[in-house]
Amino acid sequence: MNLVNEDDQTYKLSEESKNVPVLVVKIPLNADLRKKPAIVIDGKKLGDLNFTHCNPQDGCVSTAAVNDEVIKLFEDGKTMSIVFGIYARNQNMTIEFPLKNFTKSYAKLIKK
């Protein structure tokens, strides 16, 4: 808070603008919405995503805010996988994404 008037002891909340990276994952329709998609880097599960919506244009969309620790894992990793269930099937489906050149590409994204 910033002091606006010292005599009246009036304060004003300051506003801070901060960019937060967000991972957006589009999963094909017919995903089992009861099972949360998992993020896996080099065989190590980082956590689960929450579905935000499904539609014919995008499929089923999941998002998650990404912190510096996860960015470091992306930079050091070789492969990111998204593991999700398919409706009415016992097997999960895995989609893999190479992380080669992630650091270089991410640096271009955050450059102001």
PDB file of N, CA and C in Angstrom:
ATOM      1  N   MET A   1       0.843  -1.175   0.000  1.00  0.00           N
ATOM      2  CA  MET A   1       0.000   0.000   0.000  1.00  0.00           C
ATOM      3  C   MET A   1       0.887   1.237   0.000  1.00  0.00           C
ATOM      4  N   ASN A   2       0.430   2.232  -0.717  1.00  0.00           N
ATOM      5  CA  ASN A   2       1.149   3.501  -0.797  1.00  0.00           C
ATOM      6  C   ASN A   2       0.421   4.563   0.019  1.00  0.00           C
ATOM      7  N   LEU A   3       1.191   5.368   0.745  1.00  0.00           N
ATOM      8  CA  LEU A   3       0.625   6.460   1.523  1.00  0.00           C
ATOM      9  C   LEU A   3       0.225   7.580   0.572  1.00  0.00           C
ATOM     10  N   VAL A   4      -1.054   7.957   0.597  1.00  0.00           N
ATOM     11  CA  VAL A   4      -1.557   9.006  -0.287  1.00  0.00           C
ATOM     12  C   VAL A   4      -1.525  10.354   0.424  1.00  0.00           C
ATOM     13  N   ASN A   5      -1.987  10.395   1.663  1.00  0.00           N
ATOM     14  CA  ASN A   5      -2.037  11.634   2.419  1.00  0.00           C
ATOM     15  C   ASN A   5      -1.504  11.363   3.823  1.00  0.00           C
ATOM     16  N   GLU A   6      -0.355  11.967   4.127  1.00  0.00           N
ATOM     17  CA  GLU A   6       0.285  11.699   5.413  1.00  0.00           C
ATOM     18  C   GLU A   6      -0.530  12.244   6.586  1.00  0.00           C
ATOM     19  N   ASP A   7      -1.148  13.420   6.430  1.00  0.00           N
ATOM     20  CA  ASP A   7      -1.937  14.007   7.522  1.00  0.00           C
ATOM     21  C   ASP A   7      -3.143  13.139   7.870  1.00  0.00           C
ATOM     22  N   ASP A   8      -3.828  12.663   6.839  1.00  0.00           N
ATOM     23  CA  ASP A   8      -5.026  11.838   7.054  1.00  0.00           C
ATOM     24  C   ASP A   8      -4.705  10.349   7.208  1.00  0.00           C
ATOM     25  N   GLN A   9      -3.442  10.008   7.000  1.00  0.00           N
ATOM     26  CA  GLN A   9      -3.028   8.599   7.031  1.00  0.00           C
ATOM     27  C   GLN A   9      -3.883   7.772   6.056  1.00  0.00           C
ATOM     28  N   THR A  10      -4.008   8.305   4.850  1.00  0.00           N
ATOM     29  CA  THR A  10      -4.782   7.642   3.815  1.00  0.00           C
ATOM     30  C   THR A  10      -3.840   6.820   2.937  1.00  0.00           C
ATOM     31  N   TYR A  11      -4.234   5.593   2.695  1.00  0.00           N
ATOM     32  CA  TYR A  11      -3.420   4.691   1.884  1.00  0.00           C
ATOM     33  C   TYR A  11      -4.198   4.251   0.651  1.00  0.00           C
ATOM     34  N   LYS A  12      -3.454   3.888  -0.351  1.00  0.00           N
ATOM     35  CA  LYS A  12      -4.049   3.383  -1.586  1.00  0.00           C
ATOM     36  C   LYS A  12      -3.344   2.079  -1.935  1.00  0.00           C
ATOM     37  N   LEU A  13      -4.140   1.083  -2.297  1.00  0.00           N
ATOM     38  CA  LEU A  13      -3.552  -0.183  -2.722  1.00  0.00           C
ATOM     39  C   LEU A  13      -2.835   0.020  -4.052  1.00  0.00           C
ATOM     40  N   SER A  14      -1.638  -0.501  -4.143  1.00  0.00           N
ATOM     41  CA  SER A  14      -0.914  -0.393  -5.407  1.00  0.00           C
ATOM     42  C   SER A  14      -1.249  -1.606  -6.269  1.00  0.00           C
ATOM     43  N   GLU A  15      -1.204  -1.393  -7.555  1.00  0.00           N
ATOM     44  CA  GLU A  15      -1.483  -2.465  -8.492  1.00  0.00           C
ATOM     45  C   GLU A  15      -0.177  -2.941  -9.095  1.00  0.00           C
ATOM     46  N   GLU A  16      -0.072  -4.253  -9.203  1.00  0.00           N
ATOM     47  CA  GLU A  16       1.116  -4.838  -9.795  1.00  0.00           C
ATOM     48  C   GLU A  16       0.685  -5.723 -10.961  1.00  0.00           C
ATOM     49  N   SER A  17       1.299  -5.499 -12.085  1.00  0.00           N
ATOM     50  CA  SER A  17       1.005  -6.305 -13.263  1.00  0.00           C
ATOM     51  C   SER A  17       2.110  -7.346 -13.415  1.00  0.00           C
ATOM     52  N   LYS A  18       1.707  -8.603 -13.503  1.00  0.00           N
ATOM     53  CA  LYS A  18       2.686  -9.681 -13.600  1.00  0.00           C
ATOM     54  C   LYS A  18       2.202 -10.710 -14.618  1.00  0.00           C
ATOM     55  N   ASN A  19       3.084 -11.091 -15.526  1.00  0.00           N
ATOM     56  CA  ASN A  19       2.762 -12.136 -16.489  1.00  0.00           C
ATOM     57  C   ASN A  19       2.966 -13.497 -15.832  1.00  0.00           C
ATOM     58  N   VAL A  20       1.993 -14.377 -16.015  1.00  0.00           N
ATOM     59  CA  VAL A  20       2.073 -15.726 -15.468  1.00  0.00           C
ATOM     60  C   VAL A  20       1.942 -16.699 -16.630  1.00  0.00           C
ATOM     61  N   PRO A  21       2.947 -17.574 -16.833  1.00  0.00           N
ATOM     62  CA  PRO A  21       2.836 -18.549 -17.916  1.00  0.00           C
ATOM     63  C   PRO A  21       1.715 -19.548 -17.627  1.00  0.00           C
ATOM     64  N   VAL A  22       1.007 -19.913 -18.673  1.00  0.00           N
ATOM     65  CA  VAL A  22      -0.098 -20.865 -18.552  1.00  0.00           C
ATOM     66  C   VAL A  22       0.097 -21.963 -19.590  1.00  0.00           C
ATOM     67  N   LEU A  23       0.012 -23.203 -19.147  1.00  0.00           N
ATOM     68  CA  LEU A  23       0.070 -24.348 -20.041  1.00  0.00           C
ATOM     69  C   LEU A  23      -1.351 -24.644 -20.493  1.00  0.00           C
ATOM     70  N   VAL A  24      -1.571 -24.673 -21.803  1.00  0.00           N
ATOM     71  CA  VAL A  24      -2.881 -24.995 -22.372  1.00  0.00           C
ATOM     72  C   VAL A  24      -2.725 -26.294 -23.149  1.00  0.00           C
ATOM     73  N   VAL A  25      -3.520 -27.294 -22.789  1.00  0.00           N
ATOM     74  CA  VAL A  25      -3.447 -28.599 -23.428  1.00  0.00           C
ATOM     75  C   VAL A  25      -4.804 -28.905 -24.055  1.00  0.00           C
ATOM     76  N   LYS A  26      -4.792 -29.204 -25.352  1.00  0.00           N
ATOM     77  CA  LYS A  26      -6.015 -29.599 -26.044  1.00  0.00           C
ATOM     78  C   LYS A  26      -5.977 -31.108 -26.252  1.00  0.00           C
ATOM     79  N   ILE A  27      -7.006 -31.770 -25.743  1.00  0.00           N
ATOM     80  CA  ILE A  27      -7.111 -33.223 -25.787  1.00  0.00           C
ATOM     81  C   ILE A  27      -8.279 -33.583 -26.698  1.00  0.00           C
ATOM     82  N   PRO A  28      -8.149 -34.643 -27.491  1.00  0.00           N
ATOM     83  CA  PRO A  28      -9.237 -35.002 -28.411  1.00  0.00           C
ATOM     84  C   PRO A  28     -10.565 -35.252 -27.686  1.00  0.00           C
ATOM     85  N   LEU A  29     -11.650 -35.019 -28.408  1.00  0.00           N
ATOM     86  CA  LEU A  29     -12.969 -35.353 -27.872  1.00  0.00           C
ATOM     87  C   LEU A  29     -13.006 -36.839 -27.538  1.00  0.00           C
ATOM     88  N   ASN A  30     -13.918 -37.231 -26.697  1.00  0.00           N
ATOM     89  CA  ASN A  30     -14.084 -38.596 -26.200  1.00  0.00           C
ATOM     90  C   ASN A  30     -13.108 -38.905 -25.067  1.00  0.00           C
ATOM     91  N   ALA A  31     -12.452 -37.869 -24.535  1.00  0.00           N
ATOM     92  CA  ALA A  31     -11.627 -38.060 -23.346  1.00  0.00           C
ATOM     93  C   ALA A  31     -12.554 -38.347 -22.170  1.00  0.00           C
ATOM     94  N   ASP A  32     -12.099 -39.169 -21.240  1.00  0.00           N
ATOM     95  CA  ASP A  32     -12.878 -39.471 -20.045  1.00  0.00           C
ATOM     96  C   ASP A  32     -12.733 -38.297 -19.078  1.00  0.00           C
ATOM     97  N   LEU A  33     -13.763 -37.500 -18.951  1.00  0.00           N
ATOM     98  CA  LEU A  33     -13.716 -36.285 -18.140  1.00  0.00           C
ATOM     99  C   LEU A  33     -13.644 -36.573 -16.640  1.00  0.00           C
ATOM    100  N   ARG A  34     -13.864 -37.824 -16.251  1.00  0.00           N
ATOM    101  CA  ARG A  34     -13.757 -38.191 -14.835  1.00  0.00           C
ATOM    102  C   ARG A  34     -12.311 -38.368 -14.404  1.00  0.00           C
ATOM    103  N   LYS A  35     -11.411 -38.543 -15.375  1.00  0.00           N
ATOM    104  CA  LYS A  35      -9.985 -38.731 -15.088  1.00  0.00           C
ATOM    105  C   LYS A  35      -9.225 -37.483 -15.507  1.00  0.00           C
ATOM    106  N   LYS A  36      -8.507 -36.893 -14.585  1.00  0.00           N
ATOM    107  CA  LYS A  36      -7.739 -35.686 -14.908  1.00  0.00           C
ATOM    108  C   LYS A  36      -6.509 -36.048 -15.726  1.00  0.00           C
ATOM    109  N   PRO A  37      -6.209 -35.278 -16.764  1.00  0.00           N
ATOM    110  CA  PRO A  37      -4.983 -35.513 -17.525  1.00  0.00           C
ATOM    111  C   PRO A  37      -3.757 -35.258 -16.648  1.00  0.00           C
ATOM    112  N   ALA A  38      -2.724 -36.081 -16.823  1.00  0.00           N
ATOM    113  CA  ALA A  38      -1.495 -35.945 -16.040  1.00  0.00           C
ATOM    114  C   ALA A  38      -0.387 -35.365 -16.919  1.00  0.00           C
ATOM    115  N   ILE A  39       0.430 -34.507 -16.321  1.00  0.00           N
ATOM    116  CA  ILE A  39       1.635 -33.984 -16.976  1.00  0.00           C
ATOM    117  C   ILE A  39       2.806 -34.819 -16.483  1.00  0.00           C
ATOM    118  N   VAL A  40       3.577 -35.363 -17.428  1.00  0.00           N
ATOM    119  CA  VAL A  40       4.725 -36.199 -17.091  1.00  0.00           C
ATOM    120  C   VAL A  40       5.931 -35.672 -17.856  1.00  0.00           C
ATOM    121  N   ILE A  41       7.048 -35.457 -17.148  1.00  0.00           N
ATOM    122  CA  ILE A  41       8.290 -35.048 -17.810  1.00  0.00           C
ATOM    123  C   ILE A  41       9.333 -36.120 -17.544  1.00  0.00           C
ATOM    124  N   ASP A  42       9.852 -36.680 -18.627  1.00  0.00           N
ATOM    125  CA  ASP A  42      10.869 -37.732 -18.559  1.00  0.00           C
ATOM    126  C   ASP A  42      10.485 -38.843 -17.588  1.00  0.00           C
ATOM    127  N   GLY A  43       9.223 -39.261 -17.649  1.00  0.00           N
ATOM    128  CA  GLY A  43       8.747 -40.368 -16.831  1.00  0.00           C
ATOM    129  C   GLY A  43       8.334 -40.006 -15.417  1.00  0.00           C
ATOM    130  N   LYS A  44       8.487 -38.741 -15.015  1.00  0.00           N
ATOM    131  CA  LYS A  44       8.123 -38.310 -13.663  1.00  0.00           C
ATOM    132  C   LYS A  44       6.844 -37.473 -13.717  1.00  0.00           C
ATOM    133  N   LYS A  45       5.818 -37.920 -12.987  1.00  0.00           N
ATOM    134  CA  LYS A  45       4.552 -37.192 -12.976  1.00  0.00           C
ATOM    135  C   LYS A  45       4.693 -35.908 -12.168  1.00  0.00           C
ATOM    136  N   LEU A  46       4.307 -34.785 -12.798  1.00  0.00           N
ATOM    137  CA  LEU A  46       4.342 -33.489 -12.120  1.00  0.00           C
ATOM    138  C   LEU A  46       3.035 -33.177 -11.421  1.00  0.00           C
ATOM    139  N   GLY A  47       1.927 -33.598 -12.007  1.00  0.00           N
ATOM    140  CA  GLY A  47       0.631 -33.289 -11.433  1.00  0.00           C
ATOM    141  C   GLY A  47      -0.472 -33.498 -12.451  1.00  0.00           C
ATOM    142  N   ASP A  48      -1.679 -33.147 -12.045  1.00  0.00           N
ATOM    143  CA  ASP A  48      -2.852 -33.308 -12.896  1.00  0.00           C
ATOM    144  C   ASP A  48      -3.375 -31.957 -13.348  1.00  0.00           C
ATOM    145  N   LEU A  49      -4.031 -31.967 -14.499  1.00  0.00           N
ATOM    146  CA  LEU A  49      -4.679 -30.773 -15.046  1.00  0.00           C
ATOM    147  C   LEU A  49      -6.181 -30.873 -14.817  1.00  0.00           C
ATOM    148  N   ASN A  50      -6.844 -29.736 -14.828  1.00  0.00           N
ATOM    149  CA  ASN A  50      -8.306 -29.698 -14.756  1.00  0.00           C
ATOM    150  C   ASN A  50      -8.860 -29.332 -16.122  1.00  0.00           C
ATOM    151  N   PHE A  51      -9.926 -30.015 -16.523  1.00  0.00           N
ATOM    152  CA  PHE A  51     -10.598 -29.652 -17.773  1.00  0.00           C
ATOM    153  C   PHE A  51     -11.304 -28.311 -17.583  1.00  0.00           C
ATOM    154  N   THR A  52     -11.212 -27.448 -18.596  1.00  0.00           N
ATOM    155  CA  THR A  52     -11.946 -26.184 -18.546  1.00  0.00           C
ATOM    156  C   THR A  52     -13.194 -26.234 -19.410  1.00  0.00           C
ATOM    157  N   HIS A  53     -13.088 -26.883 -20.581  1.00  0.00           N
ATOM    158  CA  HIS A  53     -14.252 -27.011 -21.452  1.00  0.00           C
ATOM    159  C   HIS A  53     -13.959 -28.000 -22.571  1.00  0.00           C
ATOM    160  N   CYS A  54     -15.016 -28.433 -23.240  1.00  0.00           N
ATOM    161  CA  CYS A  54     -14.907 -29.279 -24.434  1.00  0.00           C
ATOM    162  C   CYS A  54     -15.843 -28.715 -25.493  1.00  0.00           C
ATOM    163  N   ASN A  55     -15.405 -28.728 -26.736  1.00  0.00           N
ATOM    164  CA  ASN A  55     -16.260 -28.348 -27.851  1.00  0.00           C
ATOM    165  C   ASN A  55     -15.695 -28.958 -29.137  1.00  0.00           C
ATOM    166  N   PRO A  56     -16.493 -29.003 -30.195  1.00  0.00           N
ATOM    167  CA  PRO A  56     -16.025 -29.647 -31.437  1.00  0.00           C
ATOM    168  C   PRO A  56     -14.814 -28.968 -32.082  1.00  0.00           C
ATOM    169  N   GLN A  57     -14.646 -27.663 -31.886  1.00  0.00           N
ATOM    170  CA  GLN A  57     -13.529 -26.955 -32.500  1.00  0.00           C
ATOM    171  C   GLN A  57     -12.203 -27.219 -31.778  1.00  0.00           C
ATOM    172  N   ASP A  58     -12.213 -27.234 -30.457  1.00  0.00           N
ATOM    173  CA  ASP A  58     -10.982 -27.340 -29.667  1.00  0.00           C
ATOM    174  C   ASP A  58     -10.737 -28.719 -29.077  1.00  0.00           C
ATOM    175  N   GLY A  59     -11.732 -29.563 -29.026  1.00  0.00           N
ATOM    176  CA  GLY A  59     -11.622 -30.804 -28.262  1.00  0.00           C
ATOM    177  C   GLY A  59     -11.851 -30.467 -26.807  1.00  0.00           C
ATOM    178  N   CYS A  60     -11.173 -31.169 -25.909  1.00  0.00           N
ATOM    179  CA  CYS A  60     -11.286 -30.897 -24.477  1.00  0.00           C
ATOM    180  C   CYS A  60     -10.031 -30.152 -24.034  1.00  0.00           C
ATOM    181  N   VAL A  61     -10.222 -29.028 -23.390  1.00  0.00           N
ATOM    182  CA  VAL A  61      -9.120 -28.134 -23.045  1.00  0.00           C
ATOM    183  C   VAL A  61      -8.845 -28.187 -21.543  1.00  0.00           C
ATOM    184  N   SER A  62      -7.562 -28.275 -21.216  1.00  0.00           N
ATOM    185  CA  SER A  62      -7.099 -28.224 -19.827  1.00  0.00           C
ATOM    186  C   SER A  62      -6.054 -27.127 -19.722  1.00  0.00           C
ATOM    187  N   THR A  63      -6.039 -26.430 -18.587  1.00  0.00           N
ATOM    188  CA  THR A  63      -5.045 -25.375 -18.391  1.00  0.00           C
ATOM    189  C   THR A  63      -4.461 -25.456 -16.988  1.00  0.00           C
ATOM    190  N   ALA A  64      -3.257 -24.909 -16.847  1.00  0.00           N
ATOM    191  CA  ALA A  64      -2.622 -24.825 -15.530  1.00  0.00           C
ATOM    192  C   ALA A  64      -1.614 -23.696 -15.550  1.00  0.00           C
ATOM    193  N   ALA A  65      -1.588 -22.903 -14.484  1.00  0.00           N
ATOM    194  CA  ALA A  65      -0.543 -21.893 -14.329  1.00  0.00           C
ATOM    195  C   ALA A  65       0.770 -22.626 -14.078  1.00  0.00           C
ATOM    196  N   VAL A  66       1.858 -22.087 -14.624  1.00  0.00           N
ATOM    197  CA  VAL A  66       3.163 -22.739 -14.537  1.00  0.00           C
ATOM    198  C   VAL A  66       4.112 -21.834 -13.757  1.00  0.00           C
ATOM    199  N   ASN A  67       4.776 -22.398 -12.736  1.00  0.00           N
ATOM    200  CA  ASN A  67       5.711 -21.609 -11.944  1.00  0.00           C
ATOM    201  C   ASN A  67       7.147 -21.821 -12.446  1.00  0.00           C
ATOM    202  N   ASP A  68       8.087 -21.117 -11.835  1.00  0.00           N
ATOM    203  CA  ASP A  68       9.492 -21.187 -12.263  1.00  0.00           C
ATOM    204  C   ASP A  68      10.074 -22.591 -12.111  1.00  0.00           C
ATOM    205  N   GLU A  69       9.635 -23.321 -11.105  1.00  0.00           N
ATOM    206  CA  GLU A  69      10.126 -24.691 -10.890  1.00  0.00           C
ATOM    207  C   GLU A  69       9.750 -25.593 -12.064  1.00  0.00           C
ATOM    208  N   VAL A  70       8.517 -25.466 -12.546  1.00  0.00           N
ATOM    209  CA  VAL A  70       8.065 -26.275 -13.677  1.00  0.00           C
ATOM    210  C   VAL A  70       8.791 -25.842 -14.956  1.00  0.00           C
ATOM    211  N   ILE A  71       8.993 -24.545 -15.133  1.00  0.00           N
ATOM    212  CA  ILE A  71       9.743 -24.061 -16.293  1.00  0.00           C
ATOM    213  C   ILE A  71      11.132 -24.674 -16.302  1.00  0.00           C
ATOM    214  N   LYS A  72      11.773 -24.750 -15.147  1.00  0.00           N
ATOM    215  CA  LYS A  72      13.115 -25.354 -15.041  1.00  0.00           C
ATOM    216  C   LYS A  72      13.075 -26.831 -15.443  1.00  0.00           C
ATOM    217  N   LEU A  73      12.027 -27.547 -15.047  1.00  0.00           N
ATOM    218  CA  LEU A  73      11.876 -28.948 -15.437  1.00  0.00           C
ATOM    219  C   LEU A  73      11.700 -29.078 -16.948  1.00  0.00           C
ATOM    220  N   PHE A  74      10.945 -28.154 -17.549  1.00  0.00           N
ATOM    221  CA  PHE A  74      10.796 -28.151 -19.011  1.00  0.00           C
ATOM    222  C   PHE A  74      12.146 -27.903 -19.685  1.00  0.00           C
ATOM    223  N   GLU A  75      12.911 -26.967 -19.152  1.00  0.00           N
ATOM    224  CA  GLU A  75      14.215 -26.629 -19.734  1.00  0.00           C
ATOM    225  C   GLU A  75      15.195 -27.800 -19.642  1.00  0.00           C
ATOM    226  N   ASP A  76      15.164 -28.526 -18.531  1.00  0.00           N
ATOM    227  CA  ASP A  76      16.099 -29.629 -18.318  1.00  0.00           C
ATOM    228  C   ASP A  76      15.616 -30.954 -18.901  1.00  0.00           C
ATOM    229  N   GLY A  77      14.314 -31.047 -19.208  1.00  0.00           N
ATOM    230  CA  GLY A  77      13.740 -32.318 -19.655  1.00  0.00           C
ATOM    231  C   GLY A  77      13.936 -32.591 -21.133  1.00  0.00           C
ATOM    232  N   LYS A  78      13.678 -33.837 -21.476  1.00  0.00           N
ATOM    233  CA  LYS A  78      13.758 -34.260 -22.871  1.00  0.00           C
ATOM    234  C   LYS A  78      12.376 -34.404 -23.511  1.00  0.00           C
ATOM    235  N   THR A  79      11.403 -34.900 -22.722  1.00  0.00           N
ATOM    236  CA  THR A  79      10.064 -35.151 -23.259  1.00  0.00           C
ATOM    237  C   THR A  79       8.999 -34.826 -22.222  1.00  0.00           C
ATOM    238  N   MET A  80       7.954 -34.139 -22.656  1.00  0.00           N
ATOM    239  CA  MET A  80       6.770 -33.930 -21.823  1.00  0.00           C
ATOM    240  C   MET A  80       5.665 -34.803 -22.400  1.00  0.00           C
ATOM    241  N   SER A  81       4.968 -35.505 -21.532  1.00  0.00           N
ATOM    242  CA  SER A  81       3.849 -36.341 -21.964  1.00  0.00           C
ATOM    243  C   SER A  81       2.581 -35.891 -21.259  1.00  0.00           C
ATOM    244  N   ILE A  82       1.474 -36.003 -21.969  1.00  0.00           N
ATOM    245  CA  ILE A  82       0.154 -35.794 -21.384  1.00  0.00           C
ATOM    246  C   ILE A  82      -0.532 -37.150 -21.430  1.00  0.00           C
ATOM    247  N   VAL A  83      -0.940 -37.645 -20.270  1.00  0.00           N
ATOM    248  CA  VAL A  83      -1.583 -38.952 -20.161  1.00  0.00           C
ATOM    249  C   VAL A  83      -3.033 -38.712 -19.752  1.00  0.00           C
ATOM    250  N   PHE A  84      -3.973 -39.269 -20.521  1.00  0.00           N
ATOM    251  CA  PHE A  84      -5.389 -39.052 -20.223  1.00  0.00           C
ATOM    252  C   PHE A  84      -6.196 -40.293 -20.562  1.00  0.00           C
ATOM    253  N   GLY A  85      -7.359 -40.402 -19.943  1.00  0.00           N
ATOM    254  CA  GLY A  85      -8.247 -41.532 -20.174  1.00  0.00           C
ATOM    255  C   GLY A  85      -9.133 -41.306 -21.383  1.00  0.00           C
ATOM    256  N   ILE A  86      -9.528 -42.403 -21.995  1.00  0.00           N
ATOM    257  CA  ILE A  86     -10.481 -42.374 -23.107  1.00  0.00           C
ATOM    258  C   ILE A  86     -11.788 -42.975 -22.589  1.00  0.00           C
ATOM    259  N   TYR A  87     -12.893 -42.317 -22.886  1.00  0.00           N
ATOM    260  CA  TYR A  87     -14.196 -42.760 -22.400  1.00  0.00           C
ATOM    261  C   TYR A  87     -14.485 -44.192 -22.857  1.00  0.00           C
ATOM    262  N   ALA A  88     -14.950 -45.040 -21.938  1.00  0.00           N
ATOM    263  CA  ALA A  88     -15.353 -46.425 -22.169  1.00  0.00           C
ATOM    264  C   ALA A  88     -14.181 -47.342 -22.538  1.00  0.00           C
ATOM    265  N   ARG A  89     -12.957 -46.937 -22.205  1.00  0.00           N
ATOM    266  CA  ARG A  89     -11.784 -47.793 -22.426  1.00  0.00           C
ATOM    267  C   ARG A  89     -10.978 -47.863 -21.133  1.00  0.00           C
ATOM    268  N   ASN A  90     -10.341 -49.000 -20.936  1.00  0.00           N
ATOM    269  CA  ASN A  90      -9.524 -49.179 -19.737  1.00  0.00           C
ATOM    270  C   ASN A  90      -8.127 -48.603 -19.905  1.00  0.00           C
ATOM    271  N   GLN A  91      -7.673 -48.441 -21.133  1.00  0.00           N
ATOM    272  CA  GLN A  91      -6.322 -47.961 -21.379  1.00  0.00           C
ATOM    273  C   GLN A  91      -6.285 -46.442 -21.445  1.00  0.00           C
ATOM    274  N   ASN A  92      -5.181 -45.882 -20.963  1.00  0.00           N
ATOM    275  CA  ASN A  92      -4.945 -44.449 -21.103  1.00  0.00           C
ATOM    276  C   ASN A  92      -4.249 -44.179 -22.429  1.00  0.00           C
ATOM    277  N   MET A  93      -4.368 -42.959 -22.891  1.00  0.00           N
ATOM    278  CA  MET A  93      -3.654 -42.533 -24.089  1.00  0.00           C
ATOM    279  C   MET A  93      -2.554 -41.562 -23.667  1.00  0.00           C
ATOM    280  N   THR A  94      -1.418 -41.623 -24.334  1.00  0.00           N
ATOM    281  CA  THR A  94      -0.296 -40.740 -24.043  1.00  0.00           C
ATOM    282  C   THR A  94       0.096 -39.994 -25.301  1.00  0.00           C
ATOM    283  N   ILE A  95       0.235 -38.683 -25.157  1.00  0.00           N
ATOM    284  CA  ILE A  95       0.735 -37.850 -26.254  1.00  0.00           C
ATOM    285  C   ILE A  95       2.048 -37.245 -25.771  1.00  0.00           C
ATOM    286  N   GLU A  96       3.107 -37.434 -26.557  1.00  0.00           N
ATOM    287  CA  GLU A  96       4.430 -36.946 -26.162  1.00  0.00           C
ATOM    288  C   GLU A  96       4.833 -35.716 -26.973  1.00  0.00           C
ATOM    289  N   PHE A  97       5.520 -34.801 -26.290  1.00  0.00           N
ATOM    290  CA  PHE A  97       6.021 -33.578 -26.904  1.00  0.00           C
ATOM    291  C   PHE A  97       7.507 -33.448 -26.589  1.00  0.00           C
ATOM    292  N   PRO A  98       8.358 -33.312 -27.609  1.00  0.00           N
ATOM    293  CA  PRO A  98       9.784 -33.119 -27.324  1.00  0.00           C
ATOM    294  C   PRO A  98      10.017 -31.742 -26.714  1.00  0.00           C
ATOM    295  N   LEU A  99      10.954 -31.660 -25.793  1.00  0.00           N
ATOM    296  CA  LEU A  99      11.287 -30.394 -25.139  1.00  0.00           C
ATOM    297  C   LEU A  99      12.587 -29.802 -25.678  1.00  0.00           C
ATOM    298  N   LYS A 100      13.092 -30.354 -26.769  1.00  0.00           N
ATOM    299  CA  LYS A 100      14.308 -29.833 -27.383  1.00  0.00           C
ATOM    300  C   LYS A 100      14.071 -28.373 -27.784  1.00  0.00           C
ATOM    301  N   ASN A 101      15.004 -27.512 -27.464  1.00  0.00           N
ATOM    302  CA  ASN A 101      14.944 -26.073 -27.768  1.00  0.00           C
ATOM    303  C   ASN A 101      13.866 -25.328 -26.977  1.00  0.00           C
ATOM    304  N   PHE A 102      13.349 -25.942 -25.901  1.00  0.00           N
ATOM    305  CA  PHE A 102      12.338 -25.258 -25.089  1.00  0.00           C
ATOM    306  C   PHE A 102      12.876 -23.939 -24.551  1.00  0.00           C
ATOM    307  N   THR A 103      14.088 -23.964 -24.018  1.00  0.00           N
ATOM    308  CA  THR A 103      14.667 -22.769 -23.393  1.00  0.00           C
ATOM    309  C   THR A 103      14.721 -21.616 -24.386  1.00  0.00           C
ATOM    310  N   LYS A 104      15.172 -21.890 -25.580  1.00  0.00           N
ATOM    311  CA  LYS A 104      15.284 -20.863 -26.623  1.00  0.00           C
ATOM    312  C   LYS A 104      13.898 -20.319 -27.009  1.00  0.00           C
ATOM    313  N   SER A 105      12.947 -21.210 -27.196  1.00  0.00           N
ATOM    314  CA  SER A 105      11.598 -20.794 -27.588  1.00  0.00           C
ATOM    315  C   SER A 105      10.900 -20.026 -26.472  1.00  0.00           C
ATOM    316  N   TYR A 106      11.068 -20.478 -25.230  1.00  0.00           N
ATOM    317  CA  TYR A 106      10.445 -19.800 -24.092  1.00  0.00           C
ATOM    318  C   TYR A 106      11.019 -18.394 -23.919  1.00  0.00           C
ATOM    319  N   ALA A 107      12.325 -18.259 -24.125  1.00  0.00           N
ATOM    320  CA  ALA A 107      12.961 -16.945 -24.019  1.00  0.00           C
ATOM    321  C   ALA A 107      12.359 -15.973 -25.033  1.00  0.00           C
ATOM    322  N   LYS A 108      12.029 -16.437 -26.221  1.00  0.00           N
ATOM    323  CA  LYS A 108      11.398 -15.575 -27.233  1.00  0.00           C
ATOM    324  C   LYS A 108       9.991 -15.171 -26.809  1.00  0.00           C
ATOM    325  N   LEU A 109       9.276 -16.078 -26.143  1.00  0.00           N
ATOM    326  CA  LEU A 109       7.911 -15.786 -25.700  1.00  0.00           C
ATOM    327  C   LEU A 109       7.868 -14.709 -24.625  1.00  0.00           C
ATOM    328  N   ILE A 110       8.816 -14.769 -23.697  1.00  0.00           N
ATOM    329  CA  ILE A 110       8.756 -13.825 -22.570  1.00  0.00           C
ATOM    330  C   ILE A 110       9.504 -12.537 -22.840  1.00  0.00           C
ATOM    331  N   LYS A 111      10.168 -12.452 -23.988  1.00  0.00           N
ATOM    332  CA  LYS A 111      10.924 -11.234 -24.337  1.00  0.00           C
ATOM    333  C   LYS A 111       9.932 -10.090 -24.524  1.00  0.00           C
ATOM    334  N   LYS A 112      10.274  -8.965 -23.932  1.00  0.00           N
ATOM    335  CA  LYS A 112       9.374  -7.796 -24.013  1.00  0.00           C
ATOM    336  C   LYS A 112       9.813  -6.844 -25.077  1.00  0.00           C
TER     337      LYS A 112
END
